[in-house]
C-alpha cells in the first residue's frame, strides 16, 4: 500500500544549438517517480542551513544593489531635469524614484560583494521586477506621513485621560481608521494576486497526475504571453494525503483574467483539461493577496519539506491578525524560513495561509521550540489564538518542477 509505482523517464534530446530558456518561477526537470517524504534525508539539516544562509546573504545583497541603482537613477534624473529646465520644471519630468522594474529590466549582473552568493544575488535581483523582496516602500512613506499629520491634529484636539476614555487611545483610533478602509489597501502590497489551487487526486492516479501536470505547468509558466508565474507545486504527505497544492502569481486581477484567457486558448489546453478531470476527485481554488509585511520568496532550492498552516479567522479580525503577526514574524524569522503569507479575498473568506520551509520534521520541532525563547513571539501567540475559529497544518513535499523547493 505504501509502495509507489516507478515511472520510466522519458528519453530527452538535447542540442547545443537550441538551448532551453527558462523564466523566473518556471522549472522543468526529469522525473523518475513521484517525490515523497521518504526522500527527505534526516541528516540534511546542515546542508539546508548552509543554503539558507547563502540565500539570505544573496537576498540582502540584491536588495542593497537595487536600492543603490534606484538612488542613482533618481539623482541622474534630477540632474538632467535641472540642466534642461533651469527656470521651470517640465510637466513630463519624473516626479520621484524611478520604477523598481527598470533596474531589473535593464539586465546585467551585479557584483553583490558576497563571495559565493554573488551569482545568486544577481539572479534574485533579476526577480525584483516581479515585486519579490522589493527594496522600496511601495508608497508607505507617503501613507505614514499622512497618518502622522492626521494623528497630530487629532491629538491636539483630544488630550487627557477623559479624552482617551471618550475617543479611545491613539492605537484604537488608528485601527478604527484602518477598518474604514479596504482590507486590501491596508494589508496587502496590492501589486499581485495569488491563486492557491488544491487538487485531490485519485490514489491510483498519482503518478499519472504528476507526469501530466509536471509537463504542462512548466510549459504554461514558460510562455511569455501568459504573464503568469508558478510560485511552487507540492504534494501533501501529512494531512489530506494525495492532495496537491499549487500557488500561482498574477499581475493584479486584470492579469489574472488575461492569463486564464491566454492559457485556455492554447491548442493543447483542451486535451490537458480533459485528462486532468479523469485523475482528480476534487478541485478548489482561492484568490489571495500577500501581506505587505511578508513578500513571497523568489525561486530557491533549499531542500527539505514545507508546512502549510491555514487559519480560519472569526469575521472582522483580519486587521488585528496582521497587526500582531507583523511583530511576530520578526521574531520567527530569526529561527525559521518563511516562504510567504496570504489572505483569501475570493473563495474561503477569513482564511490566512502561512507557508514555511524546514530541513526535516525534527528541525521543524526544534525551530518552533526556539521561537518561544525570542522576545515578542509569546505575545503574538497570546493575542492571535482568540482570533482563530479553526486551523489546519499540512506537511508538503515539493515537486521536481517547483521553483520554490
Protein backbone atom coordinates (compact mmCIF):
# COMPACT_ATOMS: atom_id res chain seq x y z
CA UNK A 1 0.00 0.00 0.00
CA UNK A 2 2.90 2.28 0.74
CA UNK A 3 4.72 1.36 -2.43
CA UNK A 4 4.78 3.80 -5.33
CA UNK A 5 4.94 2.84 -8.97
CA UNK A 6 8.14 3.80 -10.72
CA UNK A 7 7.79 5.88 -13.84
CA UNK A 8 10.24 5.27 -16.64
CA UNK A 9 11.97 8.51 -17.52
CA UNK A 10 11.10 9.66 -21.00
CA UNK A 11 14.07 9.98 -23.36
CA UNK A 12 15.23 13.54 -23.81
CA UNK A 13 17.01 15.16 -26.69
CA UNK A 14 19.45 17.98 -26.15
CA UNK A 15 21.08 20.21 -28.67
CA UNK A 16 23.80 22.74 -28.13
CA UNK A 17 22.35 24.83 -30.94
CA UNK A 18 18.93 25.00 -29.28
CA UNK A 19 19.44 25.87 -25.63
CA UNK A 20 16.47 25.69 -23.29
CA UNK A 21 15.36 29.04 -21.92
CA UNK A 22 13.72 29.28 -18.51
CA UNK A 23 11.95 32.16 -16.83
CA UNK A 24 11.57 33.05 -13.20
CA UNK A 25 9.13 30.76 -11.36
CA UNK A 26 9.44 28.08 -14.02
CA UNK A 27 11.41 24.84 -13.93
CA UNK A 28 11.44 21.64 -15.90
CA UNK A 29 13.31 18.65 -14.50
CA UNK A 30 13.35 14.97 -15.44
CA UNK A 31 11.14 12.78 -13.23
CA UNK A 32 11.53 9.14 -12.36
CA UNK A 33 8.80 8.82 -9.73
CA UNK A 34 6.52 10.84 -7.50
CA UNK A 35 8.54 12.53 -4.71
CA UNK A 36 7.62 11.59 -1.16
CA UNK A 37 8.58 12.25 2.43
CA UNK A 38 10.79 9.18 2.27
CA UNK A 39 13.14 11.18 0.07
CA UNK A 40 13.96 13.57 2.92
CA UNK A 41 17.32 12.84 4.50
CA UNK A 42 17.13 13.33 8.26
CA UNK A 43 20.83 14.26 8.28
CA UNK A 44 20.45 17.08 5.76
CA UNK A 45 19.92 19.90 8.27
CA UNK A 46 23.46 21.27 7.92
CA UNK A 47 23.17 21.43 4.12
CA UNK A 48 19.79 23.17 4.48
CA UNK A 49 21.26 25.75 6.88
CA UNK A 50 24.16 26.45 4.51
CA UNK A 51 21.81 27.02 1.56
CA UNK A 52 19.55 29.15 3.73
CA UNK A 53 22.49 31.33 4.80
CA UNK A 54 23.65 31.77 1.21
CA UNK A 55 20.12 32.63 0.07
CA UNK A 56 19.66 35.26 2.78
CA UNK A 57 23.05 36.84 2.09
CA UNK A 58 22.30 36.97 -1.63
CA UNK A 59 18.88 38.47 -0.94
CA UNK A 60 20.32 41.26 1.20
CA UNK A 61 22.97 41.94 -1.42
CA UNK A 62 20.38 42.09 -4.18
CA UNK A 63 18.21 44.48 -2.18
CA UNK A 64 21.19 46.73 -1.46
CA UNK A 65 22.30 46.75 -5.09
CA UNK A 66 18.81 47.55 -6.30
CA UNK A 67 18.40 50.36 -3.75
CA UNK A 68 21.69 51.89 -4.93
CA UNK A 69 20.60 51.70 -8.57
CA UNK A 70 17.27 53.34 -7.74
CA UNK A 71 19.07 56.10 -5.85
CA UNK A 72 21.48 56.74 -8.73
CA UNK A 73 18.58 56.78 -11.16
CA UNK A 74 16.80 59.44 -9.10
CA UNK A 75 19.95 61.58 -8.91
CA UNK A 76 20.64 61.36 -12.64
CA UNK A 77 17.04 62.18 -13.50
CA UNK A 78 17.09 65.15 -11.12
CA UNK A 79 20.36 66.44 -12.65
CA UNK A 80 19.03 66.01 -16.16
CA UNK A 81 15.83 67.84 -15.27
CA UNK A 82 17.73 70.75 -13.72
CA UNK A 83 20.06 71.19 -16.69
CA UNK A 84 17.28 71.04 -19.29
CA UNK A 85 14.86 73.30 -17.43
CA UNK A 86 16.75 75.62 -15.08
CA UNK A 87 13.89 78.05 -14.57
CA UNK A 88 10.87 75.77 -14.76
CA UNK A 89 10.02 72.11 -14.46
CA UNK A 90 8.52 70.22 -17.34
CA UNK A 91 5.17 68.54 -16.66
CA UNK A 92 6.50 65.39 -18.26
CA UNK A 93 9.51 65.05 -15.95
CA UNK A 94 9.59 62.22 -13.45
CA UNK A 95 8.33 63.17 -10.03
CA UNK A 96 10.07 60.70 -7.79
CA UNK A 97 12.06 57.49 -7.78
CA UNK A 98 12.34 55.54 -10.99
CA UNK A 99 10.10 52.48 -11.20
CA UNK A 100 11.59 49.45 -9.50
CA UNK A 101 11.14 47.41 -12.66
CA UNK A 102 13.73 49.38 -14.55
CA UNK A 103 16.64 48.10 -12.51
CA UNK A 104 15.75 44.50 -13.26
CA UNK A 105 14.66 45.06 -16.85
CA UNK A 106 17.95 46.66 -17.82
CA UNK A 107 19.60 43.31 -17.10
CA UNK A 108 23.24 42.68 -16.37
CA UNK A 109 24.76 41.06 -13.32
CA UNK A 110 25.60 42.94 -10.18
CA UNK A 111 28.69 42.19 -8.18
CA UNK A 112 26.99 41.97 -4.81
CA UNK A 113 30.25 41.52 -2.99
CA UNK A 114 29.09 38.41 -1.15
CA UNK A 115 31.61 35.91 -2.44
CA UNK A 116 29.89 32.67 -3.42
CA UNK A 117 26.48 34.30 -3.14
CA UNK A 118 27.25 36.86 -5.86
CA UNK A 119 25.76 34.84 -8.71
CA UNK A 120 22.68 34.05 -6.66
CA UNK A 121 22.34 37.72 -5.76
CA UNK A 122 22.24 38.59 -9.46
CA UNK A 123 19.52 36.01 -10.04
CA UNK A 124 17.47 37.29 -7.12
CA UNK A 125 17.94 40.88 -8.28
CA UNK A 126 16.50 39.93 -11.66
CA UNK A 127 13.28 38.87 -9.94
CA UNK A 128 12.75 42.24 -8.26
CA UNK A 129 10.80 43.38 -11.29
CA UNK A 130 8.18 40.87 -10.17
CA UNK A 131 7.96 42.56 -6.80
CA UNK A 132 9.83 39.87 -4.92
CA UNK A 133 11.70 41.20 -1.90
CA UNK A 134 11.12 44.73 -3.05
CA UNK A 135 13.58 47.22 -1.59
CA UNK A 136 11.31 50.23 -1.91
CA UNK A 137 8.48 51.20 0.39
CA UNK A 138 5.58 50.89 -2.09
CA UNK A 139 4.15 54.24 -1.05
CA UNK A 140 4.41 53.50 2.65
CA UNK A 141 6.33 56.71 3.34
CA UNK A 142 3.62 58.98 1.98
CA UNK A 143 0.96 56.96 3.77
CA UNK A 144 2.83 57.17 7.04
CA UNK A 145 3.24 60.94 6.58
CA UNK A 146 -0.50 61.35 6.11
CA UNK A 147 -1.18 59.21 9.16
CA UNK A 148 1.29 61.20 11.26
CA UNK A 149 -0.28 64.51 10.27
CA UNK A 150 -3.77 63.23 10.96
CA UNK A 151 -2.75 61.77 14.30
CA UNK A 152 -1.07 65.07 15.27
CA UNK A 153 -4.23 67.03 14.50
CA UNK A 154 -6.40 64.66 16.50
CA UNK A 155 -4.00 64.59 19.43
CA UNK A 156 -4.17 68.38 19.74
CA UNK A 157 -7.94 68.15 19.98
CA UNK A 158 -8.15 65.15 22.26
CA UNK A 159 -5.90 65.27 25.29
CA UNK A 160 -6.05 63.91 28.79
CA UNK A 161 -7.48 60.76 30.35
CA UNK A 162 -11.06 61.89 29.81
CA UNK A 163 -10.39 62.35 26.10
CA UNK A 164 -8.90 58.85 25.91
CA UNK A 165 -11.99 57.47 27.59
CA UNK A 166 -14.30 59.23 25.14
CA UNK A 167 -12.32 58.90 21.93
CA UNK A 168 -10.15 55.87 22.68
CA UNK A 169 -6.39 55.53 22.58
CA UNK A 170 -4.28 56.60 19.60
CA UNK A 171 -3.82 52.95 18.62
CA UNK A 172 -7.55 52.36 18.79
CA UNK A 173 -8.24 55.45 16.68
CA UNK A 174 -5.74 54.27 14.08
CA UNK A 175 -7.29 50.82 13.94
CA UNK A 176 -10.74 52.35 13.54
CA UNK A 177 -9.49 54.45 10.60
CA UNK A 178 -7.90 51.38 9.03
CA UNK A 179 -11.08 49.35 9.40
CA UNK A 180 -12.96 52.03 7.49
CA UNK A 181 -10.58 51.50 4.57
CA UNK A 182 -10.50 48.43 2.38
CA UNK A 183 -8.61 45.49 3.86
CA UNK A 184 -6.74 45.11 0.59
CA UNK A 185 -5.47 48.70 0.90
CA UNK A 186 -4.33 48.30 4.48
CA UNK A 187 -2.98 44.74 4.49
CA UNK A 188 -1.77 43.86 1.01
CA UNK A 189 1.05 45.02 -1.19
CA UNK A 190 -1.61 45.34 -3.90
CA UNK A 191 0.60 44.56 -6.88
CA UNK A 192 -0.04 40.86 -7.19
CA UNK A 193 -2.86 38.38 -6.98
CA UNK A 194 -2.01 34.82 -6.00
CA UNK A 195 -4.16 31.76 -6.51
CA UNK A 196 -3.87 28.64 -4.39
CA UNK A 197 -5.18 25.53 -6.10
CA UNK A 198 -5.89 22.21 -4.36
CA UNK A 199 -6.21 19.04 -6.47
CA UNK A 200 -7.41 15.91 -4.68
CA UNK A 201 -6.02 13.09 -6.82
CA UNK A 202 -7.26 9.52 -7.06
CA UNK A 203 -4.76 7.36 -5.13
CA UNK A 204 -4.09 5.05 -8.08
CA UNK A 205 -3.62 8.01 -10.45
CA UNK A 206 -0.96 9.94 -8.53
CA UNK A 207 1.98 9.07 -10.78
CA UNK A 208 -0.07 9.74 -13.90
CA UNK A 209 -1.12 13.10 -12.45
CA UNK A 210 2.50 14.05 -11.66
CA UNK A 211 3.56 13.31 -15.22
CA UNK A 212 0.63 15.24 -16.73
CA UNK A 213 0.93 18.34 -14.53
CA UNK A 214 4.72 18.20 -14.49
CA UNK A 215 4.74 18.51 -18.27
CA UNK A 216 2.01 21.14 -18.54
CA UNK A 217 2.68 23.60 -15.70
CA UNK A 218 6.29 24.46 -16.63
CA UNK A 219 5.15 24.95 -20.24
CA UNK A 220 2.43 27.37 -19.13
CA UNK A 221 4.85 29.33 -16.94
CA UNK A 222 7.47 29.49 -19.71
CA UNK A 223 5.13 31.04 -22.27
CA UNK A 224 5.79 34.78 -22.03
CA UNK A 225 2.35 35.73 -23.36
CA UNK A 226 0.65 34.03 -20.40
CA UNK A 227 2.08 36.60 -17.92
CA UNK A 228 1.85 34.13 -15.06
CA UNK A 229 4.44 32.75 -12.66
CA UNK A 230 4.36 29.45 -10.81
CA UNK A 231 5.49 30.03 -7.24
CA UNK A 232 5.51 26.32 -6.41
CA UNK A 233 3.88 22.89 -6.53
CA UNK A 234 3.75 20.47 -3.62
CA UNK A 235 2.22 17.14 -2.62
CA UNK A 236 0.60 16.69 0.79
CA UNK A 237 2.26 13.89 2.76
CA UNK A 238 0.79 14.58 6.21
CA UNK A 239 -2.77 15.87 6.23
CA UNK A 240 -5.20 15.34 3.36
CA UNK A 241 -2.93 12.90 1.53
CA UNK A 242 -2.72 12.72 -2.27
CA UNK A 243 -3.76 16.37 -2.37
CA UNK A 244 -1.52 18.61 -4.47
CA UNK A 245 -1.09 22.31 -3.77
CA UNK A 246 -0.12 24.86 -6.43
CA UNK A 247 0.43 28.61 -5.94
CA UNK A 248 0.42 30.95 -8.96
CA UNK A 249 1.19 34.66 -9.21
CA UNK A 250 -0.62 37.14 -11.49
CA UNK A 251 -0.30 40.84 -12.24
CA UNK A 252 -3.34 42.06 -10.32
CA UNK A 253 -6.85 40.91 -11.24
CA UNK A 254 -6.72 42.14 -14.83
CA UNK A 255 -3.61 39.98 -15.19
CA UNK A 256 -5.50 37.03 -13.74
CA UNK A 257 -8.20 37.36 -16.40
CA UNK A 258 -5.66 37.85 -19.18
CA UNK A 259 -3.58 34.86 -18.08
CA UNK A 260 -6.52 32.48 -17.87
CA UNK A 261 -7.77 33.67 -21.24
CA UNK A 262 -4.39 33.03 -22.84
CA UNK A 263 -3.95 29.60 -21.23
CA UNK A 264 -7.47 28.39 -22.02
CA UNK A 265 -6.95 29.28 -25.70
CA UNK A 266 -3.73 27.31 -26.00
CA UNK A 267 -4.26 24.50 -28.56
CA UNK A 268 -3.10 21.83 -26.06
CA UNK A 269 -5.28 23.01 -23.18
CA UNK A 270 -8.46 21.03 -24.02
CA UNK A 271 -6.54 17.74 -24.03
CA UNK A 272 -4.82 18.60 -20.73
CA UNK A 273 -8.08 19.65 -19.07
CA UNK A 274 -9.88 16.51 -20.22
CA UNK A 275 -7.17 14.22 -18.90
CA UNK A 276 -6.88 16.16 -15.62
CA UNK A 277 -10.58 15.68 -14.88
CA UNK A 278 -10.11 11.93 -15.12
CA UNK A 279 -7.37 11.95 -12.49
CA UNK A 280 -8.84 14.15 -9.72
CA UNK A 281 -11.89 13.88 -7.50
CA UNK A 282 -12.00 17.49 -6.31
CA UNK A 283 -10.53 20.88 -7.21
CA UNK A 284 -10.61 24.02 -5.07
CA UNK A 285 -9.23 27.47 -5.93
CA UNK A 286 -9.00 30.64 -3.86
CA UNK A 287 -7.66 34.04 -4.87
CA UNK A 288 -5.33 35.67 -2.36
CA UNK A 289 -3.12 38.66 -1.75
CA UNK A 290 0.19 38.58 0.09
CA UNK A 291 0.55 40.51 3.33
CA UNK A 292 2.54 43.71 2.89
CA UNK A 293 4.97 42.71 5.66
CA UNK A 294 5.73 39.30 4.15
CA UNK A 295 6.54 39.30 0.41
CA UNK A 296 6.53 35.92 -1.31
CA UNK A 297 10.03 34.50 -1.67
CA UNK A 298 11.73 34.36 -5.08
CA UNK A 299 12.68 30.94 -6.51
CA UNK A 300 15.12 28.97 -4.39
CA UNK A 301 16.24 25.37 -3.87
CA UNK A 302 16.98 24.84 -0.17
CA UNK A 303 15.70 21.27 0.00
CA UNK A 304 13.73 19.73 2.86
CA UNK A 305 9.99 19.94 3.34
CA UNK A 306 7.28 22.57 3.76
CA UNK A 307 4.46 23.24 6.18
CA UNK A 308 1.29 24.98 5.03
CA UNK A 309 -0.61 26.35 8.02
CA UNK A 310 -4.14 27.53 7.24
CA UNK A 311 -6.14 29.62 9.71
CA UNK A 312 -9.85 30.31 9.54
CA UNK A 313 -10.41 33.54 11.49
CA UNK A 314 -13.51 34.94 13.13
CA UNK A 315 -15.03 37.51 10.73
CA UNK A 316 -13.70 41.03 11.25
CA UNK A 317 -10.37 40.01 12.84
CA UNK A 318 -8.08 40.05 9.82
CA UNK A 319 -6.66 43.51 10.53
CA UNK A 320 -5.87 42.63 14.13
CA UNK A 321 -4.24 39.40 12.93
CA UNK A 322 -1.98 41.37 10.60
CA UNK A 323 -1.03 43.82 13.35
CA UNK A 324 0.16 41.09 15.71
CA UNK A 325 1.82 38.93 13.05
CA UNK A 326 3.77 41.87 11.69
CA UNK A 327 5.58 41.90 15.04
CA UNK A 328 5.64 38.14 15.46
CA UNK A 329 7.23 37.48 12.09
CA UNK A 330 10.30 39.49 13.08
CA UNK A 331 10.82 37.03 15.94
CA UNK A 332 10.06 33.93 13.89
CA UNK A 333 12.40 34.86 11.03
CA UNK A 334 15.37 34.60 13.38
CA UNK A 335 14.99 30.81 13.55
CA UNK A 336 12.57 29.79 10.77
CA UNK A 337 12.50 30.15 6.99
CA UNK A 338 9.25 31.66 5.73
CA UNK A 339 8.04 31.33 2.15
CA UNK A 340 5.03 33.63 2.20
CA UNK A 341 1.75 34.63 3.84
CA UNK A 342 -1.53 35.35 2.07
CA UNK A 343 -5.12 36.19 2.96
CA UNK A 344 -8.02 35.00 0.82
CA UNK A 345 -10.11 37.61 -0.97
CA UNK A 346 -12.20 35.31 -3.17
CA UNK A 347 -13.03 31.78 -2.03
CA UNK A 348 -12.66 30.68 1.59
CA UNK A 349 -13.04 34.12 3.15
CA UNK A 350 -11.45 34.95 6.51
CA UNK A 351 -8.73 32.40 5.70
CA UNK A 352 -5.00 33.03 6.05
CA UNK A 353 -2.24 30.77 4.69
CA UNK A 354 1.34 30.74 6.02
CA UNK A 355 3.98 28.64 4.23
CA UNK A 356 7.23 27.61 6.00
CA UNK A 357 10.25 25.56 4.94
CA UNK A 358 12.31 23.20 7.12
CA UNK A 359 15.16 20.75 6.64
CA UNK A 360 13.03 17.93 8.13
CA UNK A 361 10.36 17.30 10.77
CA UNK A 362 12.88 17.15 13.62
CA UNK A 363 14.26 20.56 12.60
CA UNK A 364 10.70 21.85 12.43
CA UNK A 365 10.17 20.81 16.05
CA UNK A 366 13.46 22.34 17.18
CA UNK A 367 12.91 25.62 15.34
CA UNK A 368 9.38 26.05 16.63
CA UNK A 369 10.56 25.48 20.20
CA UNK A 370 13.35 28.01 19.72
CA UNK A 371 10.76 30.63 18.77
CA UNK A 372 9.48 30.72 22.34
CA UNK A 373 12.82 31.99 23.56
CA UNK A 374 12.65 35.07 21.31
CA UNK A 375 11.08 38.21 22.70
CA UNK A 376 7.73 39.04 21.17
CA UNK A 377 6.71 35.60 19.95
CA UNK A 378 4.83 34.59 23.09
CA UNK A 379 2.81 37.79 22.96
CA UNK A 380 1.94 37.18 19.30
CA UNK A 381 0.56 33.73 20.10
CA UNK A 382 -1.33 35.02 23.13
CA UNK A 383 -3.08 37.72 21.09
CA UNK A 384 -3.77 35.74 17.90
CA UNK A 385 -5.13 32.48 19.31
CA UNK A 386 -8.51 34.06 20.30
CA UNK A 387 -8.92 35.28 16.70
CA UNK A 388 -8.91 31.74 15.26
CA UNK A 389 -12.00 29.63 14.58
CA UNK A 390 -10.12 26.62 13.21
CA UNK A 391 -6.70 25.79 11.81
CA UNK A 392 -5.05 23.09 9.74
CA UNK A 393 -1.46 22.03 9.17
CA UNK A 394 -0.17 20.13 6.13
CA UNK A 395 3.31 18.75 5.53
CA UNK A 396 4.21 19.21 1.86
CA UNK A 397 6.87 17.76 -0.41
CA UNK A 398 7.94 19.91 -3.39
CA UNK A 399 7.51 18.55 -6.89
CA UNK A 400 10.54 18.31 -9.23
CA UNK A 401 9.38 21.29 -11.32
CA UNK A 402 8.60 23.54 -8.34
CA UNK A 403 10.61 26.82 -8.47
CA UNK A 404 10.48 27.02 -4.66
CA UNK A 405 11.78 23.71 -3.33
